Protein backbone atom coordinates (compact mmCIF):
# COMPACT_ATOMS: atom_id res chain seq x y z
CA UNK A 1 -51.01 91.36 56.49
CA UNK A 2 -47.69 89.83 55.50
CA UNK A 3 -44.64 90.11 57.75
CA UNK A 4 -41.59 91.83 56.21
CA UNK A 5 -38.52 89.86 55.13
CA UNK A 6 -35.08 90.37 56.68
CA UNK A 7 -32.35 88.70 54.61
CA UNK A 8 -28.90 87.72 55.82
CA UNK A 9 -26.42 88.35 53.01
CA UNK A 10 -22.70 87.60 52.86
CA UNK A 11 -19.83 85.39 51.81
CA UNK A 12 -19.49 81.80 53.07
CA UNK A 13 -18.14 81.27 56.57
CA UNK A 14 -18.85 84.76 57.90
CA UNK A 15 -21.38 83.32 60.36
CA UNK A 16 -24.76 83.97 58.72
CA UNK A 17 -26.25 80.66 59.77
CA UNK A 18 -24.87 81.06 63.29
CA UNK A 19 -26.47 84.50 63.49
CA UNK A 20 -29.71 83.09 62.09
CA UNK A 21 -29.74 80.38 64.77
CA UNK A 22 -28.81 82.89 67.47
CA UNK A 23 -31.73 85.16 66.59
CA UNK A 24 -34.43 82.53 66.23
CA UNK A 25 -33.18 80.59 69.23
CA UNK A 26 -32.95 83.54 71.61
CA UNK A 27 -35.45 83.75 74.46
CA UNK A 28 -36.63 87.16 73.27
CA UNK A 29 -36.42 86.83 69.48
CA UNK A 30 -38.43 83.65 69.24
CA UNK A 31 -39.95 81.62 66.49
CA UNK A 32 -43.63 82.54 66.64
CA UNK A 33 -45.76 80.14 68.67
CA UNK A 34 -48.68 80.70 66.31
CA UNK A 35 -49.78 77.47 64.68
CA UNK A 36 -48.40 77.09 61.21
CA UNK A 37 -45.14 78.93 61.77
CA UNK A 38 -42.41 77.58 59.55
CA UNK A 39 -38.96 76.83 60.88
CA UNK A 40 -36.27 75.15 58.82
CA UNK A 41 -32.66 75.66 57.86
CA UNK A 42 -33.46 78.54 55.50
CA UNK A 43 -36.07 80.76 57.09
CA UNK A 44 -38.18 81.27 60.15
CA UNK A 45 -40.77 83.67 61.44
CA UNK A 46 -39.38 85.61 64.39
CA UNK A 47 -40.57 88.39 66.64
CA UNK A 48 -38.88 91.19 68.57
CA UNK A 49 -40.51 94.02 70.53
CA UNK A 50 -43.89 93.10 69.11
CA UNK A 51 -42.81 93.18 65.45
CA UNK A 52 -42.98 89.92 63.50
CA UNK A 53 -40.71 89.32 60.50
CA UNK A 54 -39.39 86.52 58.33
CA UNK A 55 -35.68 85.96 58.94
CA UNK A 56 -33.99 84.51 55.88
CA UNK A 57 -30.62 82.78 55.76
CA UNK A 58 -29.70 82.95 52.10
CA UNK A 59 -27.32 80.05 52.57
CA UNK A 60 -24.18 81.87 51.54
CA UNK A 61 -22.65 82.78 48.25
CA UNK A 62 -21.36 79.73 46.45
CA UNK A 63 -18.01 78.09 47.20
CA UNK A 64 -18.32 76.06 44.00
CA UNK A 65 -15.00 76.50 42.14
CA UNK A 66 -16.78 75.89 38.83
CA UNK A 67 -18.94 78.98 39.30
CA UNK A 68 -17.45 82.43 38.74
CA UNK A 69 -17.64 84.14 42.12
CA UNK A 70 -18.76 87.45 40.68
CA UNK A 71 -21.63 85.84 38.77
CA UNK A 72 -22.78 83.80 41.76
CA UNK A 73 -22.58 86.75 44.13
CA UNK A 74 -24.59 88.92 41.78
CA UNK A 75 -27.24 86.26 41.19
CA UNK A 76 -27.78 85.58 44.88
CA UNK A 77 -27.74 89.22 45.91
CA UNK A 78 -29.97 90.32 43.03
CA UNK A 79 -32.62 87.81 44.10
CA UNK A 80 -32.40 88.92 47.72
CA UNK A 81 -32.64 92.58 46.70
CA UNK A 82 -35.86 91.83 44.85
CA UNK A 83 -37.48 90.00 47.76
CA UNK A 84 -36.20 91.43 51.05
CA UNK A 85 -37.34 94.52 52.93
CA UNK A 86 -34.17 94.84 55.01
CA UNK A 87 -30.65 93.44 54.60
CA UNK A 88 -28.26 92.28 57.28
CA UNK A 89 -24.95 92.32 55.42
CA UNK A 90 -22.78 89.97 57.49
CA UNK A 91 -19.00 90.35 57.33
CA UNK A 92 -16.16 88.65 59.20
CA UNK A 93 -14.42 91.03 61.61
CA UNK A 94 -11.58 88.53 62.07
CA UNK A 95 -10.75 88.55 58.36
CA UNK A 96 -11.47 92.18 57.54
CA UNK A 97 -12.80 93.65 54.30
CA UNK A 98 -12.80 91.11 51.46
CA UNK A 99 -13.04 92.17 47.78
CA UNK A 100 -16.38 90.36 47.54
CA UNK A 101 -17.69 92.43 50.44
CA UNK A 102 -17.16 95.62 48.46
CA UNK A 103 -19.04 94.28 45.43
CA UNK A 104 -21.98 93.12 47.56
CA UNK A 105 -22.07 96.43 49.44
CA UNK A 106 -22.32 98.33 46.15
CA UNK A 107 -25.28 96.20 44.98
CA UNK A 108 -27.08 96.58 48.28
CA UNK A 109 -26.54 100.34 48.45
CA UNK A 110 -28.01 100.88 45.00
CA UNK A 111 -31.18 98.95 45.97
CA UNK A 112 -32.32 101.86 48.11
CA UNK A 113 -33.54 99.45 50.80
CA UNK A 114 -32.50 99.60 54.49
CA UNK A 115 -29.14 97.99 55.19
CA UNK A 116 -27.18 97.09 58.30
CA UNK A 117 -23.53 96.02 58.12
CA UNK A 118 -23.12 93.32 60.78
CA UNK A 119 -19.50 92.76 61.80
CA UNK A 120 -19.61 89.24 63.18
CA UNK A 121 -17.10 87.39 65.39
CA UNK A 122 -16.54 90.43 67.62
CA UNK A 123 -16.32 88.69 71.00
CA UNK A 124 -14.71 91.73 72.62
CA UNK A 125 -15.25 95.09 70.81
CA UNK A 126 -12.31 96.63 72.69
CA UNK A 127 -9.93 94.06 71.19
CA UNK A 128 -11.31 93.70 67.66
CA UNK A 129 -10.81 96.28 64.92
CA UNK A 130 -14.07 96.32 63.01
CA UNK A 131 -13.89 99.98 62.01
CA UNK A 132 -12.36 99.22 58.62
CA UNK A 133 -15.81 98.18 57.45
CA UNK A 134 -16.69 101.88 57.29
CA UNK A 135 -14.79 101.68 53.98
CA UNK A 136 -17.75 99.82 52.50
CA UNK A 137 -19.78 103.03 52.57
CA UNK A 138 -22.83 101.18 53.85
CA UNK A 139 -23.17 102.84 57.23
CA UNK A 140 -21.89 102.09 60.70
CA UNK A 141 -20.73 98.49 61.19
CA UNK A 142 -22.65 96.80 63.99
CA UNK A 143 -20.38 94.53 66.08
CA UNK A 144 -21.86 91.23 67.25
CA UNK A 145 -20.85 87.73 68.16
CA UNK A 146 -23.24 85.13 66.85
CA UNK A 147 -21.39 82.51 68.83
CA UNK A 148 -21.92 84.00 72.29
CA UNK A 149 -24.81 86.39 71.56
CA UNK A 150 -22.85 89.58 72.23
CA UNK A 151 -24.93 92.63 71.12
CA UNK A 152 -27.59 90.46 69.44
CA UNK A 153 -30.37 92.24 71.34
CA UNK A 154 -29.09 95.66 70.30
CA UNK A 155 -28.91 94.42 66.71
CA UNK A 156 -32.54 93.31 66.82
CA UNK A 157 -33.54 96.70 68.23
CA UNK A 158 -31.89 98.27 65.19
CA UNK A 159 -33.61 95.77 62.88
CA UNK A 160 -37.15 96.51 64.06
CA UNK A 161 -36.50 100.26 63.93
CA UNK A 162 -35.71 99.91 60.22
CA UNK A 163 -38.55 97.57 59.24
CA UNK A 164 -41.07 99.10 56.86
CA UNK A 165 -44.41 100.11 58.30
CA UNK A 166 -47.01 97.37 58.06
CA UNK A 167 -49.55 97.99 55.31
CA UNK A 168 -52.93 96.47 56.18
CA UNK A 169 -54.70 94.35 53.60
CA UNK A 170 -58.08 95.30 52.19
CA UNK A 171 -60.20 93.94 55.03
CA UNK A 172 -63.30 93.70 52.84
CA UNK A 173 -61.70 91.51 50.17
CA UNK A 174 -61.60 87.72 50.37
CA UNK A 175 -58.04 86.54 49.72
CA UNK A 176 -57.68 83.11 48.12
CA UNK A 177 -54.17 81.66 47.79
CA UNK A 178 -53.79 79.08 45.02
CA UNK A 179 -50.96 76.83 46.19
CA UNK A 180 -49.35 73.56 45.20
CA UNK A 181 -46.26 71.88 43.85
CA UNK A 182 -44.73 73.13 40.57
CA UNK A 183 -46.47 72.41 37.28
CA UNK A 184 -49.82 71.22 38.65
CA UNK A 185 -51.69 73.88 36.66
CA UNK A 186 -52.24 76.72 39.14
CA UNK A 187 -51.93 79.53 36.58
CA UNK A 188 -54.06 77.65 34.02
CA UNK A 189 -56.69 77.08 36.67
CA UNK A 190 -56.94 80.77 37.56
CA UNK A 191 -56.94 81.77 33.89
CA UNK A 192 -59.84 79.41 33.18
CA UNK A 193 -61.69 80.59 36.26
CA UNK A 194 -61.35 84.25 35.31
CA UNK A 195 -62.05 83.63 31.66
CA UNK A 196 -58.94 85.29 30.32
CA UNK A 197 -55.22 84.65 30.12
CA UNK A 198 -54.07 86.97 32.88
CA UNK A 199 -51.19 84.77 34.04
CA UNK A 200 -48.30 83.34 32.08
CA UNK A 201 -48.72 79.61 31.44
CA UNK A 202 -45.80 77.41 30.40
CA UNK A 203 -44.91 73.74 30.25
CA UNK A 204 -41.70 74.59 32.08
CA UNK A 205 -42.00 73.68 35.76
CA UNK A 206 -41.80 76.69 38.03
CA UNK A 207 -42.71 79.39 35.50
CA UNK A 208 -44.52 81.42 38.16
CA UNK A 209 -41.80 82.81 40.39
CA UNK A 210 -43.84 85.39 42.25
CA UNK A 211 -47.10 85.55 44.16
CA UNK A 212 -49.43 87.34 41.76
CA UNK A 213 -52.57 89.09 43.00
CA UNK A 214 -55.50 88.88 40.57
CA UNK A 215 -58.77 90.56 41.65
CA UNK A 216 -62.28 89.61 40.60
CA UNK A 217 -65.81 90.44 41.76
CA UNK A 218 -68.21 87.66 42.71
CA UNK A 219 -71.76 88.33 43.90
CA UNK A 220 -70.83 91.98 44.42
CA UNK A 221 -67.78 91.26 46.57
CA UNK A 222 -64.09 91.71 45.78
CA UNK A 223 -62.06 88.51 45.75
CA UNK A 224 -58.29 88.41 45.26
CA UNK A 225 -56.74 85.24 43.86
CA UNK A 226 -53.04 84.82 44.61
CA UNK A 227 -51.14 82.55 42.23
CA UNK A 228 -47.92 81.31 43.79
CA UNK A 229 -44.77 79.62 42.69
CA UNK A 230 -44.77 75.88 43.29
CA UNK A 231 -43.43 74.67 46.61
CA UNK A 232 -40.72 72.03 46.19
CA UNK A 233 -39.23 69.75 48.79
CA UNK A 234 -36.63 71.75 50.69
CA UNK A 235 -33.81 69.47 49.52
CA UNK A 236 -34.55 70.50 45.93
CA UNK A 237 -34.44 74.22 46.61
CA UNK A 238 -30.87 74.60 45.47
CA UNK A 239 -30.80 78.15 44.23
CA UNK A 240 -31.93 81.56 45.41
CA UNK A 241 -34.87 81.81 43.02
CA UNK A 242 -36.50 78.52 44.05
CA UNK A 243 -35.78 79.28 47.68
CA UNK A 244 -37.55 82.62 47.54
CA UNK A 245 -40.42 81.05 45.60
CA UNK A 246 -40.94 78.77 48.59
CA UNK A 247 -40.93 81.73 50.94
CA UNK A 248 -43.46 83.58 48.75
CA UNK A 249 -45.81 80.59 48.94
CA UNK A 250 -45.64 80.59 52.72
CA UNK A 251 -46.24 84.34 52.84
CA UNK A 252 -49.22 83.94 50.50
CA UNK A 253 -50.73 81.41 52.91
CA UNK A 254 -50.08 83.84 55.75
CA UNK A 255 -52.02 86.58 53.93
CA UNK A 256 -54.88 84.38 52.72
CA UNK A 257 -58.32 83.71 54.15
CA UNK A 258 -58.70 80.49 52.17
CA UNK A 259 -56.16 78.26 50.44
CA UNK A 260 -56.96 76.30 47.30
CA UNK A 261 -54.47 73.45 47.00
CA UNK A 262 -54.04 72.09 43.47
CA UNK A 263 -52.71 68.58 43.02
CA UNK A 264 -52.04 66.60 39.86
CA UNK A 265 -54.60 63.87 39.20
CA UNK A 266 -52.30 62.05 36.79
CA UNK A 267 -49.92 61.18 39.62
CA UNK A 268 -52.61 59.01 41.17
CA UNK A 269 -52.35 60.02 44.80
CA UNK A 270 -51.87 62.74 47.37
CA UNK A 271 -48.07 63.19 47.57
CA UNK A 272 -46.14 63.94 50.74
CA UNK A 273 -45.33 67.45 49.53
CA UNK A 274 -49.03 68.05 48.84
CA UNK A 275 -49.61 67.02 52.44
CA UNK A 276 -46.89 69.40 53.65
CA UNK A 277 -48.64 72.33 51.96
CA UNK A 278 -52.06 71.23 53.22
CA UNK A 279 -50.71 70.98 56.76
CA UNK A 280 -49.13 74.41 56.42
CA UNK A 281 -52.47 76.00 55.53
CA UNK A 282 -54.45 73.97 58.09
CA UNK A 283 -52.04 74.69 60.96
CA UNK A 284 -52.14 78.38 60.06
CA UNK A 285 -55.91 78.29 60.61
CA UNK A 286 -56.82 78.90 56.99
CA UNK A 287 -59.82 77.50 55.17
CA UNK A 288 -58.77 74.76 52.73
CA UNK A 289 -60.08 73.26 49.49
CA UNK A 290 -58.32 70.53 47.50
CA UNK A 291 -58.56 70.76 43.71
CA UNK A 292 -57.56 67.58 41.88
CA UNK A 293 -56.58 69.04 38.51
CA UNK A 294 -56.03 67.35 35.11
CA UNK A 295 -58.93 65.01 35.88
CA UNK A 296 -59.67 64.74 32.16
CA UNK A 297 -56.44 62.75 31.74
CA UNK A 298 -57.32 60.05 34.26
CA UNK A 299 -58.82 56.66 33.40
CA UNK A 300 -61.71 56.41 35.81
CA UNK A 301 -64.79 54.53 36.88
CA UNK A 302 -67.67 55.42 39.21
CA UNK A 303 -65.52 54.91 42.30
CA UNK A 304 -62.36 56.72 41.22
CA UNK A 305 -63.02 59.95 43.12
CA UNK A 306 -63.93 57.99 46.24
CA UNK A 307 -60.70 55.98 46.04
CA UNK A 308 -58.63 59.13 45.56
CA UNK A 309 -60.17 60.84 48.58
CA UNK A 310 -59.88 57.70 50.70
CA UNK A 311 -56.14 57.50 50.03
CA UNK A 312 -55.77 61.15 51.01
CA UNK A 313 -57.77 60.62 54.23
CA UNK A 314 -55.54 57.69 55.15
CA UNK A 315 -52.48 59.91 54.84
CA UNK A 316 -54.02 62.81 56.73
CA UNK A 317 -57.27 62.29 58.68
CA UNK A 318 -57.95 66.06 58.85
CA UNK A 319 -58.59 65.97 55.09
CA UNK A 320 -61.93 64.28 55.87
CA UNK A 321 -63.14 67.77 56.77
CA UNK A 322 -61.84 69.32 53.53
CA UNK A 323 -63.89 69.45 50.31
CA UNK A 324 -62.33 67.88 47.20
CA UNK A 325 -63.14 69.05 43.67
CA UNK A 326 -62.06 67.09 40.57
CA UNK A 327 -61.45 69.46 37.66
CA UNK A 328 -59.65 70.13 34.41
CA UNK A 329 -58.19 73.59 33.89
CA UNK A 330 -57.64 72.64 30.24
CA UNK A 331 -61.29 71.83 29.43
CA UNK A 332 -62.89 73.92 32.16
CA UNK A 333 -64.61 70.86 33.66
CA UNK A 334 -66.14 71.84 37.04
CA UNK A 335 -63.68 74.76 37.44
CA UNK A 336 -66.43 77.27 38.17
CA UNK A 337 -67.72 75.11 41.02
CA UNK A 338 -64.76 76.21 43.11
CA UNK A 339 -66.39 79.62 43.55
CA UNK A 340 -69.34 78.13 45.41
CA UNK A 341 -66.98 75.96 47.43
CA UNK A 342 -64.90 78.97 48.44
CA UNK A 343 -68.05 80.76 49.52
CA UNK A 344 -69.15 77.71 51.53
CA UNK A 345 -65.78 77.37 53.27
CA UNK A 346 -65.76 81.06 54.17
CA UNK A 347 -69.30 80.85 55.61
CA UNK A 348 -68.37 77.75 57.61
CA UNK A 349 -65.25 79.44 58.97
CA UNK A 350 -67.30 82.46 60.08
CA UNK A 351 -70.05 80.35 61.67
CA UNK A 352 -70.84 81.09 65.32
CA UNK A 353 -72.61 78.64 67.61
CA UNK A 354 -74.52 80.16 70.50
CA UNK A 355 -73.24 79.37 73.97
CA UNK A 356 -76.48 77.56 74.79
CA UNK A 357 -76.05 75.33 71.73
CA UNK A 358 -72.41 74.65 72.60
CA UNK A 359 -73.31 73.61 76.13
CA UNK A 360 -76.23 71.49 74.96
CA UNK A 361 -73.84 69.60 72.71
CA UNK A 362 -71.26 69.34 75.49
CA UNK A 363 -73.92 67.83 77.79
CA UNK A 364 -74.72 65.21 75.13
CA UNK A 365 -71.04 64.30 74.79
CA UNK A 366 -70.51 64.15 78.56
CA UNK A 367 -73.51 61.85 78.83
CA UNK A 368 -71.91 59.63 76.22
CA UNK A 369 -68.46 59.64 77.80
CA UNK A 370 -66.83 61.39 80.75
CA UNK A 371 -63.17 62.43 80.76
CA UNK A 372 -60.77 59.95 82.36
CA UNK A 373 -60.22 60.59 86.04
CA UNK A 374 -56.76 61.21 87.43
CA UNK A 375 -55.55 59.43 90.55
CA UNK A 376 -56.93 61.26 93.56
CA UNK A 377 -58.42 64.11 91.51
CA UNK A 378 -61.80 64.41 89.83
CA UNK A 379 -61.64 65.88 86.31
CA UNK A 380 -64.74 67.85 85.38
CA UNK A 381 -65.76 69.97 82.40
CA UNK A 382 -68.27 72.56 83.55
CA UNK A 383 -69.15 74.52 80.43
CA UNK A 384 -67.91 75.65 77.01
CA UNK A 385 -68.27 78.53 74.59
CA UNK A 386 -67.09 79.45 71.11
CA UNK A 387 -64.48 82.17 71.54
CA UNK A 388 -63.57 83.00 67.95
CA UNK A 389 -64.07 82.30 64.25
CA UNK A 390 -61.73 81.81 61.29
CA UNK A 391 -60.73 79.34 62.52
CA UNK A 392 -63.65 78.31 64.72
CA UNK A 393 -62.36 77.92 68.28
CA UNK A 394 -64.20 76.44 71.25
CA UNK A 395 -62.99 76.85 74.84
CA UNK A 396 -63.87 74.23 77.45
CA UNK A 397 -63.74 75.27 81.11
CA UNK A 398 -63.03 72.81 83.88
CA UNK A 399 -61.21 72.25 87.13
CA UNK A 400 -58.13 70.45 85.76
CA UNK A 401 -57.73 71.25 82.04
CA UNK A 402 -54.15 69.98 82.07
CA UNK A 403 -55.39 66.51 83.06
CA UNK A 404 -57.82 66.14 80.16
CA UNK A 405 -56.18 63.49 78.00
CA UNK A 406 -55.49 63.91 74.31
CA UNK A 407 -57.85 61.13 73.25
CA UNK A 408 -60.71 62.86 75.07
CA UNK A 409 -59.93 66.17 73.38
CA UNK A 410 -60.16 64.30 70.06
CA UNK A 411 -63.51 62.88 71.21
CA UNK A 412 -64.80 66.41 71.89
CA UNK A 413 -63.42 67.62 68.56
CA UNK A 414 -65.11 64.82 66.62
CA UNK A 415 -68.31 65.17 68.61
CA UNK A 416 -68.67 68.83 67.73
CA UNK A 417 -67.78 68.10 64.10
CA UNK A 418 -70.73 65.71 63.96
CA UNK A 419 -73.13 68.56 64.72
CA UNK A 420 -71.18 71.46 63.25
CA UNK A 421 -68.98 70.32 60.34
CA UNK A 422 -67.16 73.66 59.81
CA UNK A 423 -66.47 72.33 56.31
CA UNK A 424 -63.00 73.14 55.04
CA UNK A 425 -61.91 74.76 58.30
CA UNK A 426 -59.79 73.59 61.22
CA UNK A 427 -61.62 73.43 64.55
CA UNK A 428 -59.43 74.44 67.46
CA UNK A 429 -60.04 73.29 71.01
CA UNK A 430 -58.86 75.22 74.08
CA UNK A 431 -58.86 73.74 77.58
CA UNK A 432 -59.14 76.43 80.27
CA UNK A 433 -59.38 76.61 84.01
CA UNK A 434 -62.50 78.18 85.37
CA UNK A 435 -60.31 80.92 86.82
CA UNK A 436 -59.15 81.87 83.28
CA UNK A 437 -55.71 80.29 83.09
CA UNK A 438 -55.56 78.17 79.95
CA UNK A 439 -53.81 75.25 78.39
CA UNK A 440 -54.16 75.00 74.60
CA UNK A 441 -54.56 71.71 72.80
């Protein structure tokens, strides 16, 4: 299920970014430690009282003198209204009510979504008059100080109380997120796969602004393909629409079982932004398939696919465990083969190895190489077992798990991959003490 979005809205210099940093940097409201969590200057996944949510810093309404303030305010706020589940409308208690505050408050009120007016820069509530913000008609102003953290915990209590109830996904459906940079052919690919033009296709980069769910049935089972807006480098996300498109892509990965990453064959290589998206899916524990699209436009010989994959593996060694498929959404070349690949990757992610098989393989690896010994302490691995699937996770129990060196953990990882490929899936390794205390690698 996808975490709700909490958006910070307000004029420049009211302290939105400071409040953002205060919340995600607090000891209690922390950026999630789950692998794959995104943290950058615009948004982060946070948690408070057991509720996870995406906290979004909209970056402020423009100070550009060439842009009419009213138009810029409305554009930014309208985009946030469409995407967010809860608004934190940040105002400056030192300045008081600004005309722009009233216009934003009116737009937010008419959205019908939960709203909190956050009166920032209230270091001492007894000495700061923040009551004039009642004039905005948007509820009780909530005094905080982003700078020193005053009342930030109480604010987060109020936030989680107002978050919408989590709606579980259809647990029986297989969710496949189709991700990639703009204009690599994601919508065309899904249209060709489904045999009809269900999604808008355009030559204009970034046509798909939303994450669109498209169901299909394959071998009697419901699959849901999610087409997402292209993910640009963060430096190029210079307006609210592109920014939220990036967030939608990350949320789509969060909701997916398997990610299909489309890249453009005509560009000749696996780009850094392709790698960023692949890492995002892999770190989140999702199954991954790489589709090299527009393959019909590439001059090739018998070794072209091998060269392409080799370059990708050099950039990111984990891609050696990921299946590549070279297709053309325009001609339909090999597009249907992705269905069998998706099924394979799901089966591999759900694969369970018996404990006896795990320990037999561990014995073989220990016979080949023992872990390095620490000065004065013997490091032993006693046994192992697979503790979960999707992603496959194997726990190794020993006397000093914290002393098992990184290179040896990689040796175990590669050794198990030799016998159990877990094609298209990350393999996670846990090092645990025999008593149960654990150190994750």
